[in-house]
Amino acid sequence: MSLRSFGSIIGAAVALTAGIFTAASAQTPDKVNMMISWRPQADYGGYYQAAATGIYKKYNLDVDIRSGGPQIDGAQLLLAGRIDFLNASSFAGLHYSKEKLPFLVVAAIFQKDPQILMVHPDSGYNGLEDLKGKPIIIGASSRTSFWPFLRAKFGYADEQIRPFTFNYAPFIADKRAAQQGYINADLLSIKKSGLDPKAFLLADVGFENYTNTLNTSQKLVDTNPDLVQRFVSASIEGWYSYLNGDPKPAFAMIKAANPDMTDEEINYNYSTIKERGLADSGDAKTLGIGAMTDERWARFVKSNIDTGNYPADGNWKAAYTTKFVNQKVGMK
């Protein structure tokens, strides 16, 4: 064998070995850390479904879904790079743009905000317009989210506000009062106390806040848009599988991560998400789950400017991007 032939064989072997390592490296999934806004529950089921059924794996992702809560500052963790995606809302996007924080909303899973005001069944109230001048129990953060909208639309006054202390007893005791809550978990909790309240969904009267959004850093969008796209698309596929297929894989993961979650709670919340069309209504019907539009953002911003909740000269277009959604991913 000539020296040249031997060198060719060695070269081929080296190239083959390099190719094997390159292929193996390409199959190593990208690690993604996502934080939901509360403890694991049905509201986040599409993400758990994507993890449990291998959808994230199909997109070459290894996703760690972490619990959030009122004591955890997700924005700080995002800024520090300890998480890659944060579950939030349109209001978070406006806050980012107002404070010039380098984050933005990249997908909106819930087209309808599950926020409600609930009243006693025998209160005589048949709509939100009937609550003008009546006591309304809301939390401190609600004063700068949905309250300005209600005040402008229905003529509510700040004097109506009663503080919400995460205790249902004052509402249950006062038949004249209304109380904030969510259409799923809070409504079930009240029903279990023996009261079956009426629920008025704010989204049904024009409150256009996107919720269950996927928020990330401008840095990740700029440096690794492919990763952002894969995570958004995989999450959307997970939501379609969750809502239109068998949700049991997600249920099992949720209950493993949150042992306090009961079958009654998870089934009630899941049914409410489907029945109320929280994820697959509005623009999602034609553009797919996760949809966002410039027109809706503009209306939402205008309503916040009109109520003094956002500066008229704010750079609100920095709050979000639609480049990763509206692609009909997962639609049949």
C-alpha atoms as a PDB file:
ATOM      1  CA  MET A   1       0.000   0.000   0.000  1.00  0.00           C
ATOM      2  CA  SER A   2       1.370   3.392  -0.940  1.00  0.00           C
ATOM      3  CA  LEU A   3       1.772   6.164   1.587  1.00  0.00           C
ATOM      4  CA  ARG A   4      -0.754   8.189  -0.396  1.00  0.00           C
ATOM      5  CA  SER A   5      -3.353   5.350  -0.259  1.00  0.00           C
ATOM      6  CA  PHE A   6      -2.785   4.901   3.465  1.00  0.00           C
ATOM      7  CA  GLY A   7      -3.271   8.633   3.992  1.00  0.00           C
ATOM      8  CA  SER A   8      -6.504   8.527   2.013  1.00  0.00           C
ATOM      9  CA  ILE A   9      -7.842   5.715   4.208  1.00  0.00           C
ATOM     10  CA  ILE A  10      -6.904   7.584   7.369  1.00  0.00           C
ATOM     11  CA  GLY A  11      -8.495  10.745   6.015  1.00  0.00           C
ATOM     12  CA  ALA A  12     -11.701   8.914   5.190  1.00  0.00           C
ATOM     13  CA  ALA A  13     -11.807   7.365   8.657  1.00  0.00           C
ATOM     14  CA  VAL A  14     -11.301  10.733  10.308  1.00  0.00           C
ATOM     15  CA  ALA A  15     -14.032  12.266   8.155  1.00  0.00           C
ATOM     16  CA  LEU A  16     -16.403   9.391   8.975  1.00  0.00           C
ATOM     17  CA  THR A  17     -15.709   9.716  12.701  1.00  0.00           C
ATOM     18  CA  ALA A  18     -16.244  13.470  12.538  1.00  0.00           C
ATOM     19  CA  GLY A  19     -19.505  12.889  10.703  1.00  0.00           C
ATOM     20  CA  ILE A  20     -20.683  10.460  13.365  1.00  0.00           C
ATOM     21  CA  PHE A  21     -19.924  12.977  16.134  1.00  0.00           C
ATOM     22  CA  THR A  22     -21.583  15.778  14.174  1.00  0.00           C
ATOM     23  CA  ALA A  23     -24.730  13.687  13.663  1.00  0.00           C
ATOM     24  CA  ALA A  24     -24.813  12.741  17.347  1.00  0.00           C
ATOM     25  CA  SER A  25     -24.344  16.360  18.336  1.00  0.00           C
ATOM     26  CA  ALA A  26     -27.164  17.442  16.027  1.00  0.00           C
ATOM     27  CA  GLN A  27     -29.511  15.034  17.797  1.00  0.00           C
ATOM     28  CA  THR A  28     -28.777  16.473  21.232  1.00  0.00           C
ATOM     29  CA  PRO A  29     -31.978  18.330  22.153  1.00  0.00           C
ATOM     30  CA  ASP A  30     -31.856  22.000  23.035  1.00  0.00           C
ATOM     31  CA  LYS A  31     -32.595  22.635  26.686  1.00  0.00           C
ATOM     32  CA  VAL A  32     -35.442  25.094  27.307  1.00  0.00           C
ATOM     33  CA  ASN A  33     -36.593  26.356  30.693  1.00  0.00           C
ATOM     34  CA  MET A  34     -40.152  27.657  30.828  1.00  0.00           C
ATOM     35  CA  MET A  35     -41.958  29.124  33.859  1.00  0.00           C
ATOM     36  CA  ILE A  36     -45.736  29.030  34.121  1.00  0.00           C
ATOM     37  CA  SER A  37     -47.463  31.785  36.070  1.00  0.00           C
ATOM     38  CA  TRP A  38     -48.903  29.566  38.823  1.00  0.00           C
ATOM     39  CA  ARG A  39     -48.790  26.006  40.119  1.00  0.00           C
ATOM     40  CA  PRO A  40     -49.354  23.193  37.576  1.00  0.00           C
ATOM     41  CA  GLN A  41     -53.009  22.980  36.575  1.00  0.00           C
ATOM     42  CA  ALA A  42     -55.234  22.467  33.535  1.00  0.00           C
ATOM     43  CA  ASP A  43     -54.685  26.044  32.338  1.00  0.00           C
ATOM     44  CA  TYR A  44     -51.169  25.034  31.268  1.00  0.00           C
ATOM     45  CA  GLY A  45     -52.125  21.617  29.952  1.00  0.00           C
ATOM     46  CA  GLY A  46     -50.944  22.142  26.374  1.00  0.00           C
ATOM     47  CA  TYR A  47     -47.340  22.554  27.512  1.00  0.00           C
ATOM     48  CA  TYR A  48     -47.513  19.412  29.631  1.00  0.00           C
ATOM     49  CA  GLN A  49     -49.158  17.575  26.741  1.00  0.00           C
ATOM     50  CA  ALA A  50     -46.285  18.563  24.441  1.00  0.00           C
ATOM     51  CA  ALA A  51     -43.815  17.250  27.004  1.00  0.00           C
ATOM     52  CA  ALA A  52     -45.716  14.062  27.843  1.00  0.00           C
ATOM     53  CA  THR A  53     -46.476  12.976  24.277  1.00  0.00           C
ATOM     54  CA  GLY A  54     -43.063  13.678  22.759  1.00  0.00           C
ATOM     55  CA  ILE A  55     -44.035  16.765  20.759  1.00  0.00           C
ATOM     56  CA  TYR A  56     -41.223  18.825  22.258  1.00  0.00           C
ATOM     57  CA  LYS A  57     -38.846  15.941  21.571  1.00  0.00           C
ATOM     58  CA  LYS A  58     -40.000  15.877  17.932  1.00  0.00           C
ATOM     59  CA  TYR A  59     -38.869  19.506  17.695  1.00  0.00           C
ATOM     60  CA  ASN A  60     -35.510  18.546  19.257  1.00  0.00           C
ATOM     61  CA  LEU A  61     -36.325  20.257  22.547  1.00  0.00           C
ATOM     62  CA  ASP A  62     -35.851  19.202  26.153  1.00  0.00           C
ATOM     63  CA  VAL A  63     -38.309  21.428  28.024  1.00  0.00           C
ATOM     64  CA  ASP A  64     -38.346  21.920  31.779  1.00  0.00           C
ATOM     65  CA  ILE A  65     -41.688  23.399  32.931  1.00  0.00           C
ATOM     66  CA  ARG A  66     -41.272  25.229  36.234  1.00  0.00           C
ATOM     67  CA  SER A  67     -43.938  26.429  38.641  1.00  0.00           C
ATOM     68  CA  GLY A  68     -44.468  30.122  39.225  1.00  0.00           C
ATOM     69  CA  GLY A  69     -46.471  32.066  41.776  1.00  0.00           C
ATOM     70  CA  PRO A  70     -46.830  35.444  43.524  1.00  0.00           C
ATOM     71  CA  GLN A  71     -43.557  35.065  45.410  1.00  0.00           C
ATOM     72  CA  ILE A  72     -41.504  34.418  42.265  1.00  0.00           C
ATOM     73  CA  ASP A  73     -40.305  37.273  40.044  1.00  0.00           C
ATOM     74  CA  GLY A  74     -40.330  35.665  36.623  1.00  0.00           C
ATOM     75  CA  ALA A  75     -39.124  38.832  34.896  1.00  0.00           C
ATOM     76  CA  GLN A  76     -35.993  38.868  37.040  1.00  0.00           C
ATOM     77  CA  LEU A  77     -35.329  35.218  36.227  1.00  0.00           C
ATOM     78  CA  LEU A  78     -35.814  35.971  32.534  1.00  0.00           C
ATOM     79  CA  LEU A  79     -33.451  38.928  32.741  1.00  0.00           C
ATOM     80  CA  ALA A  80     -30.843  36.790  34.494  1.00  0.00           C
ATOM     81  CA  GLY A  81     -31.138  34.079  31.851  1.00  0.00           C
ATOM     82  CA  ARG A  82     -32.287  31.449  34.339  1.00  0.00           C
ATOM     83  CA  ILE A  83     -35.455  30.828  32.318  1.00  0.00           C
ATOM     84  CA  ASP A  84     -36.035  31.158  28.578  1.00  0.00           C
ATOM     85  CA  PHE A  85     -39.801  31.646  28.451  1.00  0.00           C
ATOM     86  CA  LEU A  86     -42.273  33.128  30.890  1.00  0.00           C
ATOM     87  CA  ASN A  87     -46.036  32.609  30.940  1.00  0.00           C
ATOM     88  CA  ALA A  88     -47.822  35.975  31.345  1.00  0.00           C
ATOM     89  CA  SER A  89     -50.194  38.373  29.508  1.00  0.00           C
ATOM     90  CA  SER A  90     -50.522  41.422  27.265  1.00  0.00           C
ATOM     91  CA  PHE A  91     -50.169  43.627  30.336  1.00  0.00           C
ATOM     92  CA  ALA A  92     -46.699  42.193  30.906  1.00  0.00           C
ATOM     93  CA  GLY A  93     -45.822  43.134  27.331  1.00  0.00           C
ATOM     94  CA  LEU A  94     -47.001  46.706  27.858  1.00  0.00           C
ATOM     95  CA  HIS A  95     -45.012  46.876  31.087  1.00  0.00           C
ATOM     96  CA  TYR A  96     -41.885  45.725  29.237  1.00  0.00           C
ATOM     97  CA  SER A  97     -42.273  48.405  26.560  1.00  0.00           C
ATOM     98  CA  LYS A  98     -43.152  51.112  29.078  1.00  0.00           C
ATOM     99  CA  GLU A  99     -40.113  50.372  31.240  1.00  0.00           C
ATOM    100  CA  LYS A 100     -37.864  49.639  28.215  1.00  0.00           C
ATOM    101  CA  LEU A 101     -37.196  46.084  29.400  1.00  0.00           C
ATOM    102  CA  PRO A 102     -35.676  43.737  26.774  1.00  0.00           C
ATOM    103  CA  PHE A 103     -38.593  41.253  26.717  1.00  0.00           C
ATOM    104  CA  LEU A 104     -41.533  40.691  24.405  1.00  0.00           C
ATOM    105  CA  VAL A 105     -44.601  38.519  23.848  1.00  0.00           C
ATOM    106  CA  VAL A 106     -44.150  35.912  21.095  1.00  0.00           C
ATOM    107  CA  ALA A 107     -47.436  33.948  21.309  1.00  0.00           C
ATOM    108  CA  ALA A 108     -50.860  34.231  22.961  1.00  0.00           C
ATOM    109  CA  ILE A 109     -52.345  30.865  23.875  1.00  0.00           C
ATOM    110  CA  PHE A 110     -55.557  32.240  25.433  1.00  0.00           C
ATOM    111  CA  GLN A 111     -57.522  34.537  23.147  1.00  0.00           C
ATOM    112  CA  LYS A 112     -59.919  35.164  26.027  1.00  0.00           C
ATOM    113  CA  ASP A 113     -58.835  36.338  29.453  1.00  0.00           C
ATOM    114  CA  PRO A 114     -60.538  33.991  31.982  1.00  0.00           C
ATOM    115  CA  GLN A 115     -61.089  36.948  34.340  1.00  0.00           C
ATOM    116  CA  ILE A 116     -64.641  37.234  35.674  1.00  0.00           C
ATOM    117  CA  LEU A 117     -66.723  39.134  38.158  1.00  0.00           C
ATOM    118  CA  MET A 118     -69.075  36.788  39.974  1.00  0.00           C
ATOM    119  CA  VAL A 119     -72.266  37.625  41.843  1.00  0.00           C
ATOM    120  CA  HIS A 120     -74.840  35.802  43.947  1.00  0.00           C
ATOM    121  CA  PRO A 121     -77.441  33.943  41.863  1.00  0.00           C
ATOM    122  CA  ASP A 122     -80.296  35.833  43.557  1.00  0.00           C
ATOM    123  CA  SER A 123     -78.607  39.241  43.491  1.00  0.00           C
ATOM    124  CA  GLY A 124     -80.745  40.519  40.636  1.00  0.00           C
ATOM    125  CA  TYR A 125     -77.605  41.416  38.641  1.00  0.00           C
ATOM    126  CA  ASN A 126     -77.861  40.272  35.034  1.00  0.00           C
ATOM    127  CA  GLY A 127     -74.737  41.859  33.616  1.00  0.00           C
ATOM    128  CA  LEU A 128     -71.698  43.961  34.419  1.00  0.00           C
ATOM    129  CA  GLU A 129     -73.705  47.118  33.753  1.00  0.00           C
ATOM    130  CA  ASP A 130     -75.798  46.331  36.839  1.00  0.00           C
ATOM    131  CA  LEU A 131     -72.793  46.582  39.157  1.00  0.00           C
ATOM    132  CA  LYS A 132     -72.382  50.351  38.976  1.00  0.00           C
ATOM    133  CA  GLY A 133     -72.361  51.660  42.550  1.00  0.00           C
ATOM    134  CA  LYS A 134     -72.239  48.156  44.084  1.00  0.00           C
ATOM    135  CA  PRO A 135     -69.384  46.781  46.229  1.00  0.00           C
ATOM    136  CA  ILE A 136     -66.808  44.952  44.104  1.00  0.00           C
ATOM    137  CA  ILE A 137     -64.054  42.891  45.719  1.00  0.00           C
ATOM    138  CA  ILE A 138     -60.789  43.022  43.761  1.00  0.00           C
ATOM    139  CA  GLY A 139     -57.076  42.585  44.415  1.00  0.00           C
ATOM    140  CA  ALA A 140     -54.497  45.362  44.436  1.00  0.00           C
ATOM    141  CA  SER A 141     -52.990  44.384  41.053  1.00  0.00           C
ATOM    142  CA  SER A 142     -56.441  44.490  39.444  1.00  0.00           C
ATOM    143  CA  ARG A 143     -56.574  48.265  39.957  1.00  0.00           C
ATOM    144  CA  THR A 144     -54.089  48.652  37.094  1.00  0.00           C
ATOM    145  CA  SER A 145     -55.262  45.792  34.886  1.00  0.00           C
ATOM    146  CA  PHE A 146     -58.987  45.270  34.296  1.00  0.00           C
ATOM    147  CA  TRP A 147     -60.409  47.885  36.696  1.00  0.00           C
ATOM    148  CA  PRO A 148     -59.618  50.926  34.487  1.00  0.00           C
ATOM    149  CA  PHE A 149     -61.411  49.136  31.622  1.00  0.00           C
ATOM    150  CA  LEU A 150     -64.534  48.511  33.742  1.00  0.00           C
ATOM    151  CA  ARG A 151     -64.461  52.033  35.143  1.00  0.00           C
ATOM    152  CA  ALA A 152     -64.401  53.529  31.648  1.00  0.00           C
ATOM    153  CA  LYS A 153     -66.931  51.148  30.092  1.00  0.00           C
ATOM    154  CA  PHE A 154     -69.532  50.948  32.853  1.00  0.00           C
ATOM    155  CA  GLY A 155     -68.932  54.084  34.909  1.00  0.00           C
ATOM    156  CA  TYR A 156     -67.629  52.275  37.982  1.00  0.00           C
ATOM    157  CA  ALA A 157     -66.048  54.381  40.728  1.00  0.00           C
ATOM    158  CA  ASP A 158     -63.052  53.594  42.916  1.00  0.00           C
ATOM    159  CA  GLU A 159     -65.302  53.977  45.970  1.00  0.00           C
ATOM    160  CA  GLN A 160     -66.909  50.657  45.022  1.00  0.00           C
ATOM    161  CA  ILE A 161     -63.677  48.734  45.548  1.00  0.00           C
ATOM    162  CA  ARG A 162     -63.390  46.355  48.475  1.00  0.00           C
ATOM    163  CA  PRO A 163     -59.992  44.673  49.045  1.00  0.00           C
ATOM    164  CA  PHE A 164     -59.628  41.031  48.076  1.00  0.00           C
ATOM    165  CA  THR A 165     -57.631  39.112  50.702  1.00  0.00           C
ATOM    166  CA  PHE A 166     -57.799  35.698  48.990  1.00  0.00           C
ATOM    167  CA  ASN A 167     -60.705  34.828  51.267  1.00  0.00           C
ATOM    168  CA  TYR A 168     -64.142  34.126  49.788  1.00  0.00           C
ATOM    169  CA  ALA A 169     -66.005  34.650  53.073  1.00  0.00           C
ATOM    170  CA  PRO A 170     -66.774  38.394  52.617  1.00  0.00           C
ATOM    171  CA  PHE A 171     -68.269  37.729  49.182  1.00  0.00           C
ATOM    172  CA  ILE A 172     -70.311  34.761  50.365  1.00  0.00           C
ATOM    173  CA  ALA A 173     -71.669  36.831  53.276  1.00  0.00           C
ATOM    174  CA  ASP A 174     -72.654  39.894  51.187  1.00  0.00           C
ATOM    175  CA  LYS A 175     -75.348  39.243  48.575  1.00  0.00           C
ATOM    176  CA  ARG A 176     -74.882  42.743  47.143  1.00  0.00           C
ATOM    177  CA  ALA A 177     -71.188  42.238  46.422  1.00  0.00           C
ATOM    178  CA  ALA A 178     -69.367  41.084  43.303  1.00  0.00           C
ATOM    179  CA  GLN A 179     -65.938  39.506  43.385  1.00  0.00           C
ATOM    180  CA  GLN A 180     -63.144  39.006  40.914  1.00  0.00           C
ATOM    181  CA  GLY A 181     -62.028  35.511  39.993  1.00  0.00           C
ATOM    182  CA  TYR A 182     -61.234  33.169  37.141  1.00  0.00           C
ATOM    183  CA  ILE A 183     -63.918  31.331  35.216  1.00  0.00           C
ATOM    184  CA  ASN A 184     -62.391  27.965  36.066  1.00  0.00           C
ATOM    185  CA  ALA A 185     -60.603  27.499  39.388  1.00  0.00           C
ATOM    186  CA  ASP A 186     -62.233  30.271  41.435  1.00  0.00           C
ATOM    187  CA  LEU A 187     -65.732  29.504  40.233  1.00  0.00           C
ATOM    188  CA  LEU A 188     -65.333  25.857  41.220  1.00  0.00           C
ATOM    189  CA  SER A 189     -64.028  26.816  44.667  1.00  0.00           C
ATOM    190  CA  ILE A 190     -67.088  28.994  45.301  1.00  0.00           C
ATOM    191  CA  LYS A 191     -69.435  26.269  44.073  1.00  0.00           C
ATOM    192  CA  LYS A 192     -67.859  23.801  46.491  1.00  0.00           C
ATOM    193  CA  SER A 193     -68.822  26.158  49.334  1.00  0.00           C
ATOM    194  CA  GLY A 194     -72.483  25.668  48.419  1.00  0.00           C
ATOM    195  CA  LEU A 195     -72.983  28.883  46.430  1.00  0.00           C
ATOM    196  CA  ASP A 196     -73.555  28.694  42.672  1.00  0.00           C
ATOM    197  CA  PRO A 197     -72.737  32.232  41.473  1.00  0.00           C
ATOM    198  CA  LYS A 198     -73.388  33.923  38.158  1.00  0.00           C
ATOM    199  CA  ALA A 199     -70.171  34.641  36.272  1.00  0.00           C
ATOM    200  CA  PHE A 200     -69.625  37.558  33.900  1.00  0.00           C
ATOM    201  CA  LEU A 201     -66.583  37.006  31.655  1.00  0.00           C
ATOM    202  CA  LEU A 202     -64.822  40.318  30.995  1.00  0.00           C
ATOM    203  CA  ALA A 203     -63.663  39.094  27.582  1.00  0.00           C
ATOM    204  CA  ASP A 204     -67.306  38.912  26.502  1.00  0.00           C
ATOM    205  CA  VAL A 205     -67.700  42.687  26.902  1.00  0.00           C
ATOM    206  CA  GLY A 206     -64.572  43.751  25.037  1.00  0.00           C
ATOM    207  CA  PHE A 207     -61.688  43.226  27.463  1.00  0.00           C
ATOM    208  CA  GLU A 208     -59.029  42.142  24.953  1.00  0.00           C
ATOM    209  CA  ASN A 209     -56.131  41.140  27.163  1.00  0.00           C
ATOM    210  CA  TYR A 210     -54.235  38.128  25.779  1.00  0.00           C
ATOM    211  CA  THR A 211     -53.368  35.687  28.552  1.00  0.00           C
ATOM    212  CA  ASN A 212     -51.350  32.495  28.867  1.00  0.00           C
ATOM    213  CA  THR A 213     -48.826  34.243  26.644  1.00  0.00           C
ATOM    214  CA  LEU A 214     -45.306  33.081  25.902  1.00  0.00           C
ATOM    215  CA  ASN A 215     -42.865  35.864  26.713  1.00  0.00           C
ATOM    216  CA  THR A 216     -39.126  35.753  26.123  1.00  0.00           C
ATOM    217  CA  SER A 217     -36.062  37.972  25.866  1.00  0.00           C
ATOM    218  CA  GLN A 218     -35.197  40.142  22.903  1.00  0.00           C
ATOM    219  CA  LYS A 219     -31.746  38.567  23.088  1.00  0.00           C
ATOM    220  CA  LEU A 220     -33.089  35.054  22.466  1.00  0.00           C
ATOM    221  CA  VAL A 221     -35.268  36.283  19.594  1.00  0.00           C
ATOM    222  CA  ASP A 222     -32.239  37.991  18.018  1.00  0.00           C
ATOM    223  CA  THR A 223     -29.640  35.264  18.594  1.00  0.00           C
ATOM    224  CA  ASN A 224     -31.664  32.066  18.253  1.00  0.00           C
ATOM    225  CA  PRO A 225     -34.944  32.664  16.398  1.00  0.00           C
ATOM    226  CA  ASP A 226     -34.995  29.016  15.295  1.00  0.00           C
ATOM    227  CA  LEU A 227     -35.200  27.879  18.918  1.00  0.00           C
ATOM    228  CA  VAL A 228     -37.996  30.360  19.620  1.00  0.00           C
ATOM    229  CA  GLN A 229     -39.908  29.164  16.561  1.00  0.00           C
ATOM    230  CA  ARG A 230     -39.529  25.502  17.467  1.00  0.00           C
ATOM    231  CA  PHE A 231     -40.662  26.084  21.039  1.00  0.00           C
ATOM    232  CA  VAL A 232     -43.678  28.176  19.994  1.00  0.00           C
ATOM    233  CA  SER A 233     -44.720  25.718  17.266  1.00  0.00           C
ATOM    234  CA  ALA A 234     -44.279  22.680  19.508  1.00  0.00           C
ATOM    235  CA  SER A 235     -46.278  24.339  22.297  1.00  0.00           C
ATOM    236  CA  ILE A 236     -49.094  25.140  19.871  1.00  0.00           C
ATOM    237  CA  GLU A 237     -49.142  21.531  18.653  1.00  0.00           C
ATOM    238  CA  GLY A 238     -49.297  20.472  22.298  1.00  0.00           C
ATOM    239  CA  TRP A 239     -52.358  22.643  22.824  1.00  0.00           C
ATOM    240  CA  TYR A 240     -54.151  21.167  19.812  1.00  0.00           C
ATOM    241  CA  SER A 241     -53.361  17.668  21.043  1.00  0.00           C
ATOM    242  CA  TYR A 242     -54.552  18.592  24.537  1.00  0.00           C
ATOM    243  CA  LEU A 243     -57.846  20.157  23.452  1.00  0.00           C
ATOM    244  CA  ASN A 244     -58.751  17.863  20.549  1.00  0.00           C
ATOM    245  CA  GLY A 245     -57.160  14.576  21.593  1.00  0.00           C
ATOM    246  CA  ASP A 246     -56.682  12.636  24.812  1.00  0.00           C
ATOM    247  CA  PRO A 247     -55.609  15.006  27.613  1.00  0.00           C
ATOM    248  CA  LYS A 248     -54.714  12.208  30.038  1.00  0.00           C
ATOM    249  CA  PRO A 249     -50.926  12.404  29.416  1.00  0.00           C
ATOM    250  CA  ALA A 250     -50.999  16.083  30.429  1.00  0.00           C
ATOM    251  CA  PHE A 251     -53.261  15.372  33.390  1.00  0.00           C
ATOM    252  CA  ALA A 252     -50.827  12.754  34.677  1.00  0.00           C
ATOM    253  CA  MET A 253     -47.856  15.133  34.445  1.00  0.00           C
ATOM    254  CA  ILE A 254     -49.783  17.969  36.089  1.00  0.00           C
ATOM    255  CA  LYS A 255     -50.871  15.787  39.008  1.00  0.00           C
ATOM    256  CA  ALA A 256     -47.342  14.436  39.443  1.00  0.00           C
ATOM    257  CA  ALA A 257     -45.998  18.006  39.601  1.00  0.00           C
ATOM    258  CA  ASN A 258     -48.891  19.216  41.796  1.00  0.00           C
ATOM    259  CA  PRO A 259     -50.140  16.385  44.045  1.00  0.00           C
ATOM    260  CA  ASP A 260     -52.782  18.697  45.556  1.00  0.00           C
ATOM    261  CA  MET A 261     -54.607  18.851  42.217  1.00  0.00           C
ATOM    262  CA  THR A 262     -57.779  16.730  42.320  1.00  0.00           C
ATOM    263  CA  ASP A 263     -59.512  14.971  39.433  1.00  0.00           C
ATOM    264  CA  GLU A 264     -62.542  17.208  39.988  1.00  0.00           C
ATOM    265  CA  GLU A 265     -60.480  20.387  39.667  1.00  0.00           C
ATOM    266  CA  ILE A 266     -58.503  19.340  36.634  1.00  0.00           C
ATOM    267  CA  ASN A 267     -61.567  18.055  34.763  1.00  0.00           C
ATOM    268  CA  TYR A 268     -63.645  21.143  35.595  1.00  0.00           C
ATOM    269  CA  ASN A 269     -60.895  23.530  34.509  1.00  0.00           C
ATOM    270  CA  TYR A 270     -60.238  21.577  31.320  1.00  0.00           C
ATOM    271  CA  SER A 271     -63.926  21.518  30.403  1.00  0.00           C
ATOM    272  CA  THR A 272     -64.217  25.263  31.016  1.00  0.00           C
ATOM    273  CA  ILE A 273     -61.250  26.022  28.742  1.00  0.00           C
ATOM    274  CA  LYS A 274     -62.939  24.061  25.954  1.00  0.00           C
ATOM    275  CA  GLU A 275     -66.508  25.250  26.514  1.00  0.00           C
ATOM    276  CA  ARG A 276     -65.541  28.925  26.764  1.00  0.00           C
ATOM    277  CA  GLY A 277     -63.148  28.742  23.815  1.00  0.00           C
ATOM    278  CA  LEU A 278     -60.351  30.362  25.798  1.00  0.00           C
ATOM    279  CA  ALA A 279     -57.652  29.092  23.427  1.00  0.00           C
ATOM    280  CA  ASP A 280     -59.332  28.454  20.081  1.00  0.00           C
ATOM    281  CA  SER A 281     -61.672  31.410  19.590  1.00  0.00           C
ATOM    282  CA  GLY A 282     -61.271  34.770  17.855  1.00  0.00           C
ATOM    283  CA  ASP A 283     -58.284  35.010  15.512  1.00  0.00           C
ATOM    284  CA  ALA A 284     -57.176  31.502  16.521  1.00  0.00           C
ATOM    285  CA  LYS A 285     -60.058  30.085  14.476  1.00  0.00           C
ATOM    286  CA  THR A 286     -58.387  31.169  11.246  1.00  0.00           C
ATOM    287  CA  LEU A 287     -54.735  31.718  12.211  1.00  0.00           C
ATOM    288  CA  GLY A 288     -54.271  28.911  14.722  1.00  0.00           C
ATOM    289  CA  ILE A 289     -53.792  28.714  18.466  1.00  0.00           C
ATOM    290  CA  GLY A 290     -51.261  31.264  19.711  1.00  0.00           C
ATOM    291  CA  ALA A 291     -52.493  33.901  17.245  1.00  0.00           C
ATOM    292  CA  MET A 292     -51.844  37.602  17.718  1.00  0.00           C
ATOM    293  CA  THR A 293     -52.689  40.496  15.414  1.00  0.00           C
ATOM    294  CA  ASP A 294     -51.499  44.082  15.165  1.00  0.00           C
ATOM    295  CA  GLU A 295     -55.138  45.223  15.052  1.00  0.00           C
ATOM    296  CA  ARG A 296     -56.040  43.643  18.359  1.00  0.00           C
ATOM    297  CA  TRP A 297     -52.874  44.891  20.034  1.00  0.00           C
ATOM    298  CA  ALA A 298     -53.681  48.393  18.764  1.00  0.00           C
ATOM    299  CA  ARG A 299     -57.199  48.247  20.220  1.00  0.00           C
ATOM    300  CA  PHE A 300     -55.886  46.948  23.541  1.00  0.00           C
ATOM    301  CA  VAL A 301     -53.253  49.672  23.716  1.00  0.00           C
ATOM    302  CA  LYS A 302     -55.788  52.376  22.830  1.00  0.00           C
ATOM    303  CA  SER A 303     -58.103  51.273  25.629  1.00  0.00           C
ATOM    304  CA  ASN A 304     -55.188  51.495  28.063  1.00  0.00           C
ATOM    305  CA  ILE A 305     -54.142  54.909  26.765  1.00  0.00           C
ATOM    306  CA  ASP A 306     -57.736  56.157  27.051  1.00  0.00           C
ATOM    307  CA  THR A 307     -57.894  55.082  30.697  1.00  0.00           C
ATOM    308  CA  GLY A 308     -54.488  56.520  31.560  1.00  0.00           C
ATOM    309  CA  ASN A 309     -53.067  53.034  32.011  1.00  0.00           C
ATOM    310  CA  TYR A 310     -50.395  53.453  29.324  1.00  0.00           C
ATOM    311  CA  PRO A 311     -48.576  56.562  27.995  1.00  0.00           C
ATOM    312  CA  ALA A 312     -49.845  57.924  24.681  1.00  0.00           C
ATOM    313  CA  ASP A 313     -46.285  58.134  23.356  1.00  0.00           C
ATOM    314  CA  GLY A 314     -45.304  54.652  24.519  1.00  0.00           C
ATOM    315  CA  ASN A 315     -43.476  52.386  22.071  1.00  0.00           C
ATOM    316  CA  TRP A 316     -46.093  49.637  22.364  1.00  0.00           C
ATOM    317  CA  LYS A 317     -44.994  47.863  19.193  1.00  0.00           C
ATOM    318  CA  ALA A 318     -41.890  46.785  21.102  1.00  0.00           C
ATOM    319  CA  ALA A 319     -44.160  44.749  23.391  1.00  0.00           C
ATOM    320  CA  TYR A 320     -44.634  41.849  20.990  1.00  0.00           C
ATOM    321  CA  THR A 321     -43.842  40.206  17.659  1.00  0.00           C
ATOM    322  CA  THR A 322     -46.103  38.104  15.426  1.00  0.00           C
ATOM    323  CA  LYS A 323     -43.238  36.510  13.449  1.00  0.00           C
ATOM    324  CA  PHE A 324     -43.537  33.191  15.328  1.00  0.00           C
ATOM    325  CA  VAL A 325     -47.345  32.770  15.173  1.00  0.00           C
ATOM    326  CA  ASN A 326     -50.274  33.005  12.723  1.00  0.00           C
ATOM    327  CA  GLN A 327     -48.816  30.081  10.741  1.00  0.00           C
ATOM    328  CA  LYS A 328     -51.741  27.655  11.281  1.00  0.00           C
ATOM    329  CA  VAL A 329     -49.415  25.194  12.992  1.00  0.00           C
ATOM    330  CA  GLY A 330     -51.285  22.124  14.184  1.00  0.00           C
ATOM    331  CA  MET A 331     -54.562  23.017  12.467  1.00  0.00           C
ATOM    332  CA  LYS A 332     -56.347  20.181  10.690  1.00  0.00           C
END
